[in-house]
Amino acid sequence: MLDRIIKVALSFALCISLVVVGGCTKYASQDDENTLNEASQAAVSAEKELAKVVKERKQLEKELSQKEGELSDAKAELENVKTR
């Protein structure tokens, strides 16, 4: 996930550097447009991936909380059985 974010940031930086190195013209070259479009698509893809990972993390945290509750109940029951 972090790797994708870094790639998007580098792509964006590459686009900016192409504009600076290429000079200021009235119109962008086809290569510049293609690079910008690729970077934009990569950014959208990275945002979707991030949203998916955040959703998955929340689900896993919820499951962990439930499992910890089950463990706590099981430990309490074990202690109850031991004291009989």
PDB file of N, CA and C in Angstrom:
ATOM      1  N   MET A   1       0.820  -1.172   0.000  1.00  0.00           N
ATOM      2  CA  MET A   1       0.000   0.000   0.000  1.00  0.00           C
ATOM      3  C   MET A   1       0.873   1.248   0.000  1.00  0.00           C
ATOM      4  N   LEU A   2       1.806   1.300   0.932  1.00  0.00           N
ATOM      5  CA  LEU A   2       2.701   2.437   1.008  1.00  0.00           C
ATOM      6  C   LEU A   2       3.544   2.518  -0.261  1.00  0.00           C
ATOM      7  N   ASP A   3       3.877   1.362  -0.813  1.00  0.00           N
ATOM      8  CA  ASP A   3       4.655   1.309  -2.039  1.00  0.00           C
ATOM      9  C   ASP A   3       3.897   1.993  -3.180  1.00  0.00           C
ATOM     10  N   ARG A   4       2.599   1.765  -3.252  1.00  0.00           N
ATOM     11  CA  ARG A   4       1.795   2.382  -4.308  1.00  0.00           C
ATOM     12  C   ARG A   4       1.721   3.896  -4.122  1.00  0.00           C
ATOM     13  N   ILE A   5       1.590   4.326  -2.887  1.00  0.00           N
ATOM     14  CA  ILE A   5       1.516   5.755  -2.618  1.00  0.00           C
ATOM     15  C   ILE A   5       2.816   6.426  -3.028  1.00  0.00           C
ATOM     16  N   ILE A   6       3.921   5.772  -2.748  1.00  0.00           N
ATOM     17  CA  ILE A   6       5.228   6.313  -3.131  1.00  0.00           C
ATOM     18  C   ILE A   6       5.331   6.385  -4.648  1.00  0.00           C
ATOM     19  N   LYS A   7       4.846   5.345  -5.336  1.00  0.00           N
ATOM     20  CA  LYS A   7       4.887   5.351  -6.802  1.00  0.00           C
ATOM     21  C   LYS A   7       4.063   6.499  -7.365  1.00  0.00           C
ATOM     22  N   VAL A   8       2.901   6.747  -6.782  1.00  0.00           N
ATOM     23  CA  VAL A   8       2.051   7.842  -7.255  1.00  0.00           C
ATOM     24  C   VAL A   8       2.748   9.174  -7.030  1.00  0.00           C
ATOM     25  N   ALA A   9       3.349   9.335  -5.875  1.00  0.00           N
ATOM     26  CA  ALA A   9       4.054  10.585  -5.574  1.00  0.00           C
ATOM     27  C   ALA A   9       5.223  10.793  -6.537  1.00  0.00           C
ATOM     28  N   LEU A  10       5.945   9.714  -6.818  1.00  0.00           N
ATOM     29  CA  LEU A  10       7.060   9.821  -7.766  1.00  0.00           C
ATOM     30  C   LEU A  10       6.558  10.140  -9.169  1.00  0.00           C
ATOM     31  N   SER A  11       5.447   9.543  -9.565  1.00  0.00           N
ATOM     32  CA  SER A  11       4.873   9.831 -10.881  1.00  0.00           C
ATOM     33  C   SER A  11       4.473  11.297 -10.978  1.00  0.00           C
ATOM     34  N   PHE A  12       3.871  11.777  -9.915  1.00  0.00           N
ATOM     35  CA  PHE A  12       3.473  13.184  -9.890  1.00  0.00           C
ATOM     36  C   PHE A  12       4.701  14.089  -9.967  1.00  0.00           C
ATOM     37  N   ALA A  13       5.729  13.751  -9.222  1.00  0.00           N
ATOM     38  CA  ALA A  13       6.966  14.539  -9.246  1.00  0.00           C
ATOM     39  C   ALA A  13       7.603  14.496 -10.635  1.00  0.00           C
ATOM     40  N   LEU A  14       7.525  13.338 -11.293  1.00  0.00           N
ATOM     41  CA  LEU A  14       8.057  13.209 -12.645  1.00  0.00           C
ATOM     42  C   LEU A  14       7.299  14.123 -13.601  1.00  0.00           C
ATOM     43  N   CYS A  15       5.995  14.166 -13.456  1.00  0.00           N
ATOM     44  CA  CYS A  15       5.187  15.044 -14.310  1.00  0.00           C
ATOM     45  C   CYS A  15       5.587  16.500 -14.129  1.00  0.00           C
ATOM     46  N   ILE A  16       5.743  16.889 -12.897  1.00  0.00           N
ATOM     47  CA  ILE A  16       6.129  18.277 -12.608  1.00  0.00           C
ATOM     48  C   ILE A  16       7.508  18.574 -13.186  1.00  0.00           C
ATOM     49  N   SER A  17       8.433  17.624 -13.024  1.00  0.00           N
ATOM     50  CA  SER A  17       9.782  17.856 -13.541  1.00  0.00           C
ATOM     51  C   SER A  17       9.794  17.906 -15.059  1.00  0.00           C
ATOM     52  N   LEU A  18       8.936  17.144 -15.713  1.00  0.00           N
ATOM     53  CA  LEU A  18       8.853  17.202 -17.171  1.00  0.00           C
ATOM     54  C   LEU A  18       8.410  18.580 -17.639  1.00  0.00           C
ATOM     55  N   VAL A  19       7.493  19.173 -16.932  1.00  0.00           N
ATOM     56  CA  VAL A  19       7.028  20.504 -17.294  1.00  0.00           C
ATOM     57  C   VAL A  19       8.150  21.517 -17.096  1.00  0.00           C
ATOM     58  N   VAL A  20       8.868  21.399 -16.003  1.00  0.00           N
ATOM     59  CA  VAL A  20       9.945  22.352 -15.715  1.00  0.00           C
ATOM     60  C   VAL A  20      11.099  22.185 -16.710  1.00  0.00           C
ATOM     61  N   VAL A  21      11.499  20.937 -16.943  1.00  0.00           N
ATOM     62  CA  VAL A  21      12.624  20.681 -17.845  1.00  0.00           C
ATOM     63  C   VAL A  21      12.242  20.969 -19.293  1.00  0.00           C
ATOM     64  N   GLY A  22      11.017  20.643 -19.644  1.00  0.00           N
ATOM     65  CA  GLY A  22      10.561  20.838 -21.014  1.00  0.00           C
ATOM     66  C   GLY A  22      10.379  22.291 -21.378  1.00  0.00           C
ATOM     67  N   GLY A  23      10.364  23.137 -20.408  1.00  0.00           N
ATOM     68  CA  GLY A  23      10.192  24.553 -20.670  1.00  0.00           C
ATOM     69  C   GLY A  23       8.725  24.918 -20.661  1.00  0.00           C
ATOM     70  N   CYS A  24       8.477  26.184 -20.678  1.00  0.00           N
ATOM     71  CA  CYS A  24       7.104  26.677 -20.658  1.00  0.00           C
ATOM     72  C   CYS A  24       6.641  26.920 -22.083  1.00  0.00           C
ATOM     73  N   THR A  25       5.700  26.125 -22.493  1.00  0.00           N
ATOM     74  CA  THR A  25       5.104  26.324 -23.815  1.00  0.00           C
ATOM     75  C   THR A  25       3.619  26.539 -23.616  1.00  0.00           C
ATOM     76  N   LYS A  26       2.974  27.004 -24.636  1.00  0.00           N
ATOM     77  CA  LYS A  26       1.551  27.267 -24.551  1.00  0.00           C
ATOM     78  C   LYS A  26       0.769  25.968 -24.436  1.00  0.00           C
ATOM     79  N   TYR A  27       1.266  24.918 -25.081  1.00  0.00           N
ATOM     80  CA  TYR A  27       0.566  23.639 -25.089  1.00  0.00           C
ATOM     81  C   TYR A  27       1.493  22.528 -24.602  1.00  0.00           C
ATOM     82  N   ALA A  28       0.893  21.549 -23.962  1.00  0.00           N
ATOM     83  CA  ALA A  28       1.669  20.401 -23.502  1.00  0.00           C
ATOM     84  C   ALA A  28       1.875  19.442 -24.669  1.00  0.00           C
ATOM     85  N   SER A  29       3.019  18.771 -24.657  1.00  0.00           N
ATOM     86  CA  SER A  29       3.268  17.788 -25.703  1.00  0.00           C
ATOM     87  C   SER A  29       2.428  16.545 -25.435  1.00  0.00           C
ATOM     88  N   GLN A  30       2.319  15.693 -26.421  1.00  0.00           N
ATOM     89  CA  GLN A  30       1.546  14.456 -26.269  1.00  0.00           C
ATOM     90  C   GLN A  30       2.142  13.572 -25.177  1.00  0.00           C
ATOM     91  N   ASP A  31       3.474  13.533 -25.112  1.00  0.00           N
ATOM     92  CA  ASP A  31       4.130  12.748 -24.066  1.00  0.00           C
ATOM     93  C   ASP A  31       3.784  13.273 -22.674  1.00  0.00           C
ATOM     94  N   ASP A  32       3.763  14.598 -22.546  1.00  0.00           N
ATOM     95  CA  ASP A  32       3.402  15.196 -21.258  1.00  0.00           C
ATOM     96  C   ASP A  32       1.969  14.839 -20.874  1.00  0.00           C
ATOM     97  N   GLU A  33       1.070  14.895 -21.845  1.00  0.00           N
ATOM     98  CA  GLU A  33      -0.328  14.549 -21.580  1.00  0.00           C
ATOM     99  C   GLU A  33      -0.460  13.085 -21.196  1.00  0.00           C
ATOM    100  N   ASN A  34       0.261  12.226 -21.908  1.00  0.00           N
ATOM    101  CA  ASN A  34       0.209  10.794 -21.600  1.00  0.00           C
ATOM    102  C   ASN A  34       0.740  10.518 -20.199  1.00  0.00           C
ATOM    103  N   THR A  35       1.852  11.157 -19.863  1.00  0.00           N
ATOM    104  CA  THR A  35       2.436  10.970 -18.536  1.00  0.00           C
ATOM    105  C   THR A  35       1.489  11.468 -17.458  1.00  0.00           C
ATOM    106  N   LEU A  36       0.875  12.606 -17.697  1.00  0.00           N
ATOM    107  CA  LEU A  36      -0.074  13.160 -16.737  1.00  0.00           C
ATOM    108  C   LEU A  36      -1.289  12.245 -16.584  1.00  0.00           C
ATOM    109  N   ASN A  37      -1.790  11.714 -17.683  1.00  0.00           N
ATOM    110  CA  ASN A  37      -2.926  10.800 -17.628  1.00  0.00           C
ATOM    111  C   ASN A  37      -2.575   9.520 -16.868  1.00  0.00           C
ATOM    112  N   GLU A  38      -1.384   8.998 -17.121  1.00  0.00           N
ATOM    113  CA  GLU A  38      -0.933   7.795 -16.412  1.00  0.00           C
ATOM    114  C   GLU A  38      -0.820   8.065 -14.913  1.00  0.00           C
ATOM    115  N   ALA A  39      -0.272   9.221 -14.565  1.00  0.00           N
ATOM    116  CA  ALA A  39      -0.136   9.578 -13.153  1.00  0.00           C
ATOM    117  C   ALA A  39      -1.510   9.753 -12.509  1.00  0.00           C
ATOM    118  N   SER A  40      -2.421  10.344 -13.246  1.00  0.00           N
ATOM    119  CA  SER A  40      -3.778  10.534 -12.734  1.00  0.00           C
ATOM    120  C   SER A  40      -4.459   9.194 -12.506  1.00  0.00           C
ATOM    121  N   GLN A  41      -4.313   8.285 -13.460  1.00  0.00           N
ATOM    122  CA  GLN A  41      -4.902   6.953 -13.318  1.00  0.00           C
ATOM    123  C   GLN A  41      -4.266   6.201 -12.152  1.00  0.00           C
ATOM    124  N   ALA A  42      -2.977   6.354 -11.993  1.00  0.00           N
ATOM    125  CA  ALA A  42      -2.285   5.703 -10.878  1.00  0.00           C
ATOM    126  C   ALA A  42      -2.773   6.270  -9.543  1.00  0.00           C
ATOM    127  N   ALA A  43      -3.001   7.567  -9.492  1.00  0.00           N
ATOM    128  CA  ALA A  43      -3.491   8.189  -8.268  1.00  0.00           C
ATOM    129  C   ALA A  43      -4.893   7.689  -7.920  1.00  0.00           C
ATOM    130  N   VAL A  44      -5.760   7.607  -8.917  1.00  0.00           N
ATOM    131  CA  VAL A  44      -7.117   7.099  -8.695  1.00  0.00           C
ATOM    132  C   VAL A  44      -7.057   5.656  -8.214  1.00  0.00           C
ATOM    133  N   SER A  45      -6.212   4.865  -8.855  1.00  0.00           N
ATOM    134  CA  SER A  45      -6.059   3.461  -8.463  1.00  0.00           C
ATOM    135  C   SER A  45      -5.536   3.351  -7.035  1.00  0.00           C
ATOM    136  N   ALA A  46      -4.580   4.180  -6.682  1.00  0.00           N
ATOM    137  CA  ALA A  46      -4.017   4.158  -5.331  1.00  0.00           C
ATOM    138  C   ALA A  46      -5.059   4.570  -4.297  1.00  0.00           C
ATOM    139  N   GLU A  47      -5.898   5.537  -4.634  1.00  0.00           N
ATOM    140  CA  GLU A  47      -6.949   5.964  -3.712  1.00  0.00           C
ATOM    141  C   GLU A  47      -7.963   4.844  -3.496  1.00  0.00           C
ATOM    142  N   LYS A  48      -8.324   4.136  -4.559  1.00  0.00           N
ATOM    143  CA  LYS A  48      -9.254   3.015  -4.438  1.00  0.00           C
ATOM    144  C   LYS A  48      -8.640   1.907  -3.580  1.00  0.00           C
ATOM    145  N   GLU A  49      -7.377   1.621  -3.824  1.00  0.00           N
ATOM    146  CA  GLU A  49      -6.677   0.588  -3.056  1.00  0.00           C
ATOM    147  C   GLU A  49      -6.603   0.984  -1.583  1.00  0.00           C
ATOM    148  N   LEU A  50      -6.328   2.251  -1.324  1.00  0.00           N
ATOM    149  CA  LEU A  50      -6.260   2.735   0.053  1.00  0.00           C
ATOM    150  C   LEU A  50      -7.611   2.582   0.741  1.00  0.00           C
ATOM    151  N   ALA A  51      -8.688   2.946   0.063  1.00  0.00           N
ATOM    152  CA  ALA A  51     -10.028   2.815   0.647  1.00  0.00           C
ATOM    153  C   ALA A  51     -10.333   1.354   0.950  1.00  0.00           C
ATOM    154  N   LYS A  52      -9.931   0.465   0.047  1.00  0.00           N
ATOM    155  CA  LYS A  52     -10.167  -0.966   0.256  1.00  0.00           C
ATOM    156  C   LYS A  52      -9.387  -1.472   1.464  1.00  0.00           C
ATOM    157  N   VAL A  53      -8.146  -1.053   1.583  1.00  0.00           N
ATOM    158  CA  VAL A  53      -7.299  -1.494   2.691  1.00  0.00           C
ATOM    159  C   VAL A  53      -7.816  -0.933   4.023  1.00  0.00           C
ATOM    160  N   VAL A  54      -8.263   0.316   4.032  1.00  0.00           N
ATOM    161  CA  VAL A  54      -8.803   0.913   5.253  1.00  0.00           C
ATOM    162  C   VAL A  54     -10.055   0.160   5.689  1.00  0.00           C
ATOM    163  N   LYS A  55     -10.911  -0.172   4.732  1.00  0.00           N
ATOM    164  CA  LYS A  55     -12.131  -0.928   5.043  1.00  0.00           C
ATOM    165  C   LYS A  55     -11.775  -2.303   5.607  1.00  0.00           C
ATOM    166  N   GLU A  56     -10.805  -2.958   4.982  1.00  0.00           N
ATOM    167  CA  GLU A  56     -10.375  -4.275   5.452  1.00  0.00           C
ATOM    168  C   GLU A  56      -9.778  -4.183   6.859  1.00  0.00           C
ATOM    169  N   ARG A  57      -9.006  -3.145   7.105  1.00  0.00           N
ATOM    170  CA  ARG A  57      -8.403  -2.972   8.432  1.00  0.00           C
ATOM    171  C   ARG A  57      -9.478  -2.803   9.502  1.00  0.00           C
ATOM    172  N   LYS A  58     -10.496  -1.989   9.199  1.00  0.00           N
ATOM    173  CA  LYS A  58     -11.570  -1.794  10.167  1.00  0.00           C
ATOM    174  C   LYS A  58     -12.272  -3.113  10.462  1.00  0.00           C
ATOM    175  N   GLN A  59     -12.501  -3.906   9.419  1.00  0.00           N
ATOM    176  CA  GLN A  59     -13.150  -5.204   9.603  1.00  0.00           C
ATOM    177  C   GLN A  59     -12.281  -6.116  10.465  1.00  0.00           C
ATOM    178  N   LEU A  60     -10.984  -6.138  10.200  1.00  0.00           N
ATOM    179  CA  LEU A  60     -10.082  -6.977  10.982  1.00  0.00           C
ATOM    180  C   LEU A  60      -9.996  -6.514  12.434  1.00  0.00           C
ATOM    181  N   GLU A  61     -10.010  -5.209  12.652  1.00  0.00           N
ATOM    182  CA  GLU A  61      -9.998  -4.691  14.014  1.00  0.00           C
ATOM    183  C   GLU A  61     -11.272  -5.086  14.757  1.00  0.00           C
ATOM    184  N   LYS A  62     -12.395  -5.072  14.050  1.00  0.00           N
ATOM    185  CA  LYS A  62     -13.673  -5.488  14.643  1.00  0.00           C
ATOM    186  C   LYS A  62     -13.616  -6.968  15.016  1.00  0.00           C
ATOM    187  N   GLU A  63     -13.095  -7.796  14.096  1.00  0.00           N
ATOM    188  CA  GLU A  63     -12.953  -9.228  14.366  1.00  0.00           C
ATOM    189  C   GLU A  63     -12.022  -9.466  15.552  1.00  0.00           C
ATOM    190  N   LEU A  64     -10.930  -8.728  15.616  1.00  0.00           N
ATOM    191  CA  LEU A  64      -9.982  -8.868  16.712  1.00  0.00           C
ATOM    192  C   LEU A  64     -10.650  -8.548  18.048  1.00  0.00           C
ATOM    193  N   SER A  65     -11.429  -7.483  18.062  1.00  0.00           N
ATOM    194  CA  SER A  65     -12.135  -7.103  19.283  1.00  0.00           C
ATOM    195  C   SER A  65     -13.095  -8.210  19.718  1.00  0.00           C
ATOM    196  N   GLN A  66     -13.799  -8.789  18.755  1.00  0.00           N
ATOM    197  CA  GLN A  66     -14.717  -9.881  19.082  1.00  0.00           C
ATOM    198  C   GLN A  66     -13.958 -11.087  19.619  1.00  0.00           C
ATOM    199  N   LYS A  67     -12.868 -11.423  18.979  1.00  0.00           N
ATOM    200  CA  LYS A  67     -12.071 -12.580  19.414  1.00  0.00           C
ATOM    201  C   LYS A  67     -11.477 -12.343  20.805  1.00  0.00           C
ATOM    202  N   GLU A  68     -11.053 -11.117  21.080  1.00  0.00           N
ATOM    203  CA  GLU A  68     -10.525 -10.807  22.405  1.00  0.00           C
ATOM    204  C   GLU A  68     -11.620 -10.952  23.468  1.00  0.00           C
ATOM    205  N   GLY A  69     -12.843 -10.559  23.110  1.00  0.00           N
ATOM    206  CA  GLY A  69     -13.971 -10.737  24.024  1.00  0.00           C
ATOM    207  C   GLY A  69     -14.255 -12.212  24.271  1.00  0.00           C
ATOM    208  N   GLU A  70     -14.203 -13.005  23.197  1.00  0.00           N
ATOM    209  CA  GLU A  70     -14.402 -14.452  23.341  1.00  0.00           C
ATOM    210  C   GLU A  70     -13.309 -15.067  24.212  1.00  0.00           C
ATOM    211  N   LEU A  71     -12.077 -14.625  24.020  1.00  0.00           N
ATOM    212  CA  LEU A  71     -10.960 -15.124  24.822  1.00  0.00           C
ATOM    213  C   LEU A  71     -11.159 -14.775  26.294  1.00  0.00           C
ATOM    214  N   SER A  72     -11.571 -13.559  26.544  1.00  0.00           N
ATOM    215  CA  SER A  72     -11.821 -13.134  27.919  1.00  0.00           C
ATOM    216  C   SER A  72     -12.919 -13.984  28.559  1.00  0.00           C
ATOM    217  N   ASP A  73     -13.994 -14.246  27.818  1.00  0.00           N
ATOM    218  CA  ASP A  73     -15.077 -15.096  28.321  1.00  0.00           C
ATOM    219  C   ASP A  73     -14.576 -16.515  28.591  1.00  0.00           C
ATOM    220  N   ALA A  74     -13.758 -17.031  27.676  1.00  0.00           N
ATOM    221  CA  ALA A  74     -13.232 -18.388  27.833  1.00  0.00           C
ATOM    222  C   ALA A  74     -12.313 -18.479  29.050  1.00  0.00           C
ATOM    223  N   LYS A  75     -11.509 -17.446  29.268  1.00  0.00           N
ATOM    224  CA  LYS A  75     -10.623 -17.446  30.440  1.00  0.00           C
ATOM    225  C   LYS A  75     -11.442 -17.395  31.722  1.00  0.00           C
ATOM    226  N   ALA A  76     -12.489 -16.597  31.725  1.00  0.00           N
ATOM    227  CA  ALA A  76     -13.347 -16.511  32.905  1.00  0.00           C
ATOM    228  C   ALA A  76     -14.020 -17.852  33.172  1.00  0.00           C
ATOM    229  N   GLU A  77     -14.477 -18.505  32.121  1.00  0.00           N
ATOM    230  CA  GLU A  77     -15.105 -19.819  32.274  1.00  0.00           C
ATOM    231  C   GLU A  77     -14.094 -20.847  32.770  1.00  0.00           C
ATOM    232  N   LEU A  78     -12.866 -20.788  32.261  1.00  0.00           N
ATOM    233  CA  LEU A  78     -11.824 -21.695  32.710  1.00  0.00           C
ATOM    234  C   LEU A  78     -11.556 -21.509  34.202  1.00  0.00           C
ATOM    235  N   GLU A  79     -11.454 -20.284  34.641  1.00  0.00           N
ATOM    236  CA  GLU A  79     -11.234 -20.017  36.063  1.00  0.00           C
ATOM    237  C   GLU A  79     -12.410 -20.514  36.897  1.00  0.00           C
ATOM    238  N   ASN A  80     -13.602 -20.363  36.356  1.00  0.00           N
ATOM    239  CA  ASN A  80     -14.801 -20.835  37.056  1.00  0.00           C
ATOM    240  C   ASN A  80     -14.763 -22.358  37.204  1.00  0.00           C
ATOM    241  N   VAL A  81     -14.335 -23.040  36.142  1.00  0.00           N
ATOM    242  CA  VAL A  81     -14.250 -24.498  36.185  1.00  0.00           C
ATOM    243  C   VAL A  81     -13.141 -24.940  37.150  1.00  0.00           C
ATOM    244  N   LYS A  82     -12.047 -24.221  37.173  1.00  0.00           N
ATOM    245  CA  LYS A  82     -10.932 -24.563  38.064  1.00  0.00           C
ATOM    246  C   LYS A  82     -11.323 -24.429  39.533  1.00  0.00           C
ATOM    247  N   THR A  83     -12.147 -23.444  39.865  1.00  0.00           N
ATOM    248  CA  THR A  83     -12.498 -23.208  41.255  1.00  0.00           C
ATOM    249  C   THR A  83     -13.560 -24.182  41.777  1.00  0.00           C
ATOM    250  N   ARG A  84     -14.198 -24.953  40.908  1.00  0.00           N
ATOM    251  CA  ARG A  84     -15.224 -25.917  41.343  1.00  0.00           C
ATOM    252  C   ARG A  84     -14.626 -27.057  42.020  1.00  0.00           C
TER     253      ARG A  84
END
